[in-house]
Amino acid sequence: MSPADVALKSEPTGITETVAEKVVRSAPAPVSQNPQRLPNALAGTESPKTVRPIAALPAPIPLARPRRNNSPHFQARVPVITGEAAYRGSMPVDGIISGQLGAAGSALTVKQRPRSGPVESIPELDGELSFKDMLRVNGHIAGKVTSARGTLFVDPSARVDADIDVGVAIVSGIVNGDVIAHERVEMGSAAVINGNISTRSLTMKPGAVFQGDCRMLKNDSGDQ
């Protein structure tokens, strides 16, 4: 009967293991802690919740701004002349020149140092200047200005140290040279002409200064 006793004794042992398994199953398994961990952005495909969207990220720091030519030491001046013209001569520049030169056409931008006074002693253009329809002088030029039938405007802030041969001359600034206007000459209240005038019609407003000789040209019919 001893073998049967041994078989009977093994039964309570199986019951004990079954209870132990129930105890192990009822206990919290360490695997259940994995969902509480934050997802790994490197290992998983889901991005962490703490990552802010791109729109919420701070704006990138702007790079250094490009240098501008209009610094306190250089600035763009009013063009010395305004209009279509052909020029041959020299142009002294104390500043920066940018643009393109070509056979078909050219465009230049000149930025120079601020003026120390109302009028510079050195002309900004010194040479021969010719135009067709209209030309406005805003600065200091020298040499010769010609146009068969064009109209020349000399602004109050302008100075022209040149001989002028145009169709119409409207002077509001300073002209040092002979003026030939085949149609008429108009002098504003602040105009100063130091030279001879040859024209068909001369108009002077009060305050204008004229030092020289005036010669009246004949009309096409021969009358003065």
Protein backbone atom coordinates (compact mmCIF):
# COMPACT_ATOMS: atom_id res chain seq x y z
CA MET A 1 0.00 0.00 0.00
CA SER A 2 2.99 2.28 0.17
CA PRO A 3 2.87 3.19 -3.54
CA ALA A 4 -0.74 4.27 -3.25
CA ASP A 5 0.12 6.42 -0.29
CA VAL A 6 2.73 8.21 -2.31
CA ALA A 7 0.26 8.90 -5.09
CA LEU A 8 -2.26 10.18 -2.63
CA LYS A 9 0.31 12.47 -1.05
CA SER A 10 1.13 14.17 -4.35
CA GLU A 11 -2.40 15.50 -4.69
CA PRO A 12 -2.21 18.13 -1.93
CA THR A 13 1.04 19.31 -3.50
CA GLY A 14 -0.79 19.98 -6.80
CA ILE A 15 -3.44 21.93 -4.91
CA THR A 16 -0.79 24.03 -3.26
CA GLU A 17 0.80 24.89 -6.64
CA THR A 18 -2.57 25.83 -8.04
CA VAL A 19 -3.18 28.24 -5.21
CA ALA A 20 0.29 29.67 -5.66
CA GLU A 21 -0.40 30.25 -9.33
CA LYS A 22 -3.61 32.08 -8.42
CA VAL A 23 -1.69 34.24 -6.01
CA VAL A 24 0.89 35.05 -8.68
CA ARG A 25 -1.83 35.88 -11.22
CA SER A 26 -3.69 38.10 -8.76
CA ALA A 27 -0.54 40.06 -7.97
CA PRO A 28 0.18 43.10 -10.23
CA ALA A 29 2.48 42.04 -12.98
CA PRO A 30 5.42 44.29 -13.76
CA VAL A 31 4.47 44.20 -17.40
CA SER A 32 1.39 46.30 -16.69
CA GLN A 33 3.62 49.28 -15.89
CA ASN A 34 4.74 49.66 -19.50
CA PRO A 35 1.70 51.74 -20.63
CA GLN A 36 2.47 54.30 -17.91
CA ARG A 37 5.87 55.04 -19.40
CA LEU A 38 6.19 57.94 -21.76
CA PRO A 39 6.55 56.80 -25.36
CA ASN A 40 10.05 56.81 -26.72
CA ALA A 41 10.30 59.11 -29.73
CA LEU A 42 13.32 57.24 -31.02
CA ALA A 43 11.97 53.73 -30.67
CA GLY A 44 8.29 54.30 -31.40
CA THR A 45 6.48 55.94 -34.25
CA GLU A 46 4.27 58.13 -32.06
CA SER A 47 5.77 61.48 -31.10
CA PRO A 48 5.70 62.50 -27.42
CA LYS A 49 2.78 64.58 -26.29
CA THR A 50 5.09 67.16 -24.77
CA VAL A 51 6.50 68.13 -28.17
CA ARG A 52 4.94 71.37 -29.33
CA PRO A 53 3.76 71.77 -32.92
CA ILE A 54 5.95 73.62 -35.39
CA ALA A 55 3.67 76.63 -35.39
CA ALA A 56 4.12 77.03 -31.65
CA LEU A 57 7.90 76.99 -31.78
CA PRO A 58 9.59 80.36 -31.28
CA ALA A 59 10.46 82.26 -34.43
CA PRO A 60 14.06 81.82 -35.59
CA ILE A 61 16.47 84.57 -34.75
CA PRO A 62 16.77 86.85 -37.81
CA LEU A 63 20.13 86.97 -39.45
CA ALA A 64 22.15 90.12 -39.66
CA ARG A 65 20.63 92.63 -42.04
CA PRO A 66 22.57 93.35 -45.21
CA ARG A 67 24.54 96.51 -45.26
CA ARG A 68 22.86 99.47 -46.82
CA ASN A 69 24.65 102.02 -48.85
CA ASN A 70 22.62 104.85 -47.34
CA SER A 71 24.60 104.82 -44.12
CA PRO A 72 25.16 108.03 -42.14
CA HIS A 73 28.31 108.64 -44.22
CA PHE A 74 26.71 108.02 -47.63
CA GLN A 75 23.29 108.97 -48.92
CA ALA A 76 21.46 109.18 -52.21
CA ARG A 77 21.38 112.71 -53.50
CA VAL A 78 18.85 114.32 -55.75
CA PRO A 79 19.97 113.53 -59.32
CA VAL A 80 22.10 116.33 -60.70
CA ILE A 81 20.05 116.18 -63.90
CA THR A 82 16.60 114.79 -64.66
CA GLY A 83 15.66 113.77 -68.18
CA GLU A 84 17.08 111.97 -71.18
CA ALA A 85 20.46 113.36 -72.08
CA ALA A 86 23.78 112.41 -73.66
CA TYR A 87 26.79 113.28 -71.55
CA ARG A 88 30.51 113.21 -72.25
CA GLY A 89 32.90 114.34 -69.56
CA SER A 90 34.01 113.65 -66.01
CA MET A 91 32.05 113.09 -62.81
CA PRO A 92 33.89 113.30 -59.48
CA VAL A 93 32.37 110.94 -56.92
CA ASP A 94 33.06 110.85 -53.21
CA GLY A 95 30.86 107.88 -52.41
CA ILE A 96 29.49 104.71 -53.97
CA ILE A 97 28.45 103.93 -57.57
CA SER A 98 26.31 100.87 -58.29
CA GLY A 99 24.62 99.70 -61.48
CA GLN A 100 25.43 98.38 -64.92
CA LEU A 101 27.10 99.82 -67.99
CA GLY A 102 26.40 98.36 -71.41
CA ALA A 103 26.16 99.18 -75.09
CA ALA A 104 22.37 98.86 -75.17
CA GLY A 105 21.81 100.99 -72.08
CA SER A 106 23.04 101.68 -68.60
CA ALA A 107 21.65 102.46 -65.17
CA LEU A 108 23.79 103.88 -62.39
CA THR A 109 22.99 104.84 -58.83
CA VAL A 110 25.36 107.29 -57.16
CA LYS A 111 25.42 107.72 -53.39
CA GLN A 112 27.82 110.34 -52.09
CA ARG A 113 28.71 111.98 -48.83
CA PRO A 114 26.31 114.62 -47.50
CA ARG A 115 27.00 118.10 -48.68
CA SER A 116 28.90 120.36 -46.32
CA GLY A 117 27.25 123.48 -47.72
CA PRO A 118 24.42 124.62 -49.97
CA VAL A 119 26.62 124.63 -53.08
CA GLU A 120 29.73 122.56 -53.75
CA SER A 121 32.79 124.11 -55.31
CA ILE A 122 33.43 121.07 -57.55
CA PRO A 123 30.88 120.45 -60.34
CA GLU A 124 29.13 117.09 -60.20
CA LEU A 125 29.18 116.94 -64.01
CA ASP A 126 31.89 118.62 -66.07
CA GLY A 127 31.64 118.13 -69.82
CA GLU A 128 29.31 118.34 -72.80
CA LEU A 129 25.64 117.71 -72.13
CA SER A 130 23.06 117.45 -74.92
CA PHE A 131 19.36 116.59 -74.79
CA LYS A 132 16.27 116.64 -77.01
CA ASP A 133 13.04 117.52 -75.22
CA MET A 134 13.45 118.55 -71.59
CA LEU A 135 16.23 118.64 -69.00
CA ARG A 136 16.17 119.74 -65.38
CA VAL A 137 19.34 120.67 -63.54
CA ASN A 138 19.19 120.08 -59.78
CA GLY A 139 22.88 120.34 -58.85
CA HIS A 140 26.18 121.82 -59.96
CA ILE A 141 27.29 121.23 -63.55
CA ALA A 142 29.91 122.80 -65.81
CA GLY A 143 30.94 122.69 -69.44
CA LYS A 144 28.39 123.13 -72.19
CA VAL A 145 24.63 122.43 -72.47
CA THR A 146 23.07 122.21 -75.93
CA SER A 147 19.68 121.33 -77.42
CA ALA A 148 18.21 122.48 -80.72
CA ARG A 149 14.62 122.86 -79.47
CA GLY A 150 14.71 121.53 -75.92
CA THR A 151 13.67 123.25 -72.72
CA LEU A 152 16.22 123.66 -69.93
CA PHE A 153 15.11 124.11 -66.31
CA VAL A 154 17.60 125.40 -63.75
CA ASP A 155 16.23 124.83 -60.25
CA PRO A 156 16.74 127.40 -57.45
CA SER A 157 19.32 125.12 -55.80
CA ALA A 158 21.24 124.53 -59.05
CA ARG A 159 24.37 126.14 -60.39
CA VAL A 160 25.40 125.99 -64.04
CA ASP A 161 28.92 127.08 -64.95
CA ALA A 162 28.46 126.48 -68.66
CA ASP A 163 27.49 128.04 -71.95
CA ILE A 164 23.87 127.26 -72.79
CA ASP A 165 22.44 126.89 -76.29
CA VAL A 166 18.84 125.65 -76.11
CA GLY A 167 15.35 126.41 -77.36
CA VAL A 168 13.88 127.62 -74.05
CA ALA A 169 15.78 128.46 -70.85
CA ILE A 170 13.83 128.74 -67.59
CA VAL A 171 16.31 129.85 -64.95
CA SER A 172 15.59 129.91 -61.23
CA GLY A 173 19.15 129.32 -59.98
CA ILE A 174 22.65 130.55 -60.86
CA VAL A 175 24.07 130.52 -64.39
CA ASN A 176 27.64 131.59 -65.05
CA GLY A 177 27.99 131.65 -68.82
CA ASP A 178 26.42 132.85 -72.03
CA VAL A 179 22.82 131.84 -72.65
CA ILE A 180 21.39 131.38 -76.14
CA ALA A 181 17.69 130.55 -76.19
CA HIS A 182 16.21 130.54 -79.68
CA GLU A 183 12.66 131.02 -78.36
CA ARG A 184 12.70 132.66 -74.91
CA VAL A 185 14.43 133.08 -71.57
CA GLU A 186 12.49 133.18 -68.29
CA MET A 187 14.23 134.34 -65.11
CA GLY A 188 12.64 133.64 -61.72
CA SER A 189 12.81 135.85 -58.67
CA ALA A 190 15.95 134.03 -57.39
CA ALA A 191 17.66 133.72 -60.78
CA VAL A 192 21.18 135.01 -61.38
CA ILE A 193 22.76 135.08 -64.85
CA ASN A 194 26.33 136.26 -65.21
CA GLY A 195 26.80 136.30 -68.97
CA ASN A 196 25.37 137.45 -72.24
CA ILE A 197 21.83 136.51 -73.27
CA SER A 198 20.72 136.00 -76.87
CA THR A 199 17.01 135.26 -77.30
CA ARG A 200 13.79 136.37 -78.97
CA SER A 201 11.93 136.97 -75.71
CA LEU A 202 13.22 137.76 -72.22
CA THR A 203 11.12 137.72 -69.07
CA MET A 204 12.46 138.73 -65.66
CA LYS A 205 10.61 138.58 -62.36
CA PRO A 206 11.36 141.09 -59.56
CA GLY A 207 14.46 140.00 -57.71
CA ALA A 208 16.26 138.46 -60.71
CA VAL A 209 19.86 139.53 -61.35
CA PHE A 210 21.35 139.81 -64.83
CA GLN A 211 24.89 140.97 -65.51
CA GLY A 212 25.87 141.06 -69.17
CA ASP A 213 24.69 142.10 -72.59
CA CYS A 214 21.34 141.14 -74.10
CA ARG A 215 20.89 140.62 -77.84
CA MET A 216 17.45 140.07 -79.30
CA LEU A 217 17.33 137.42 -82.02
CA LYS A 218 15.22 137.76 -85.14
CA ASN A 219 12.14 135.68 -85.77
CA ASP A 220 11.75 133.38 -88.72
CA SER A 221 10.14 136.26 -90.60
CA GLY A 222 13.19 138.45 -89.93
CA ASP A 223 11.57 140.72 -87.31
CA GLN A 224 13.15 141.22 -83.92
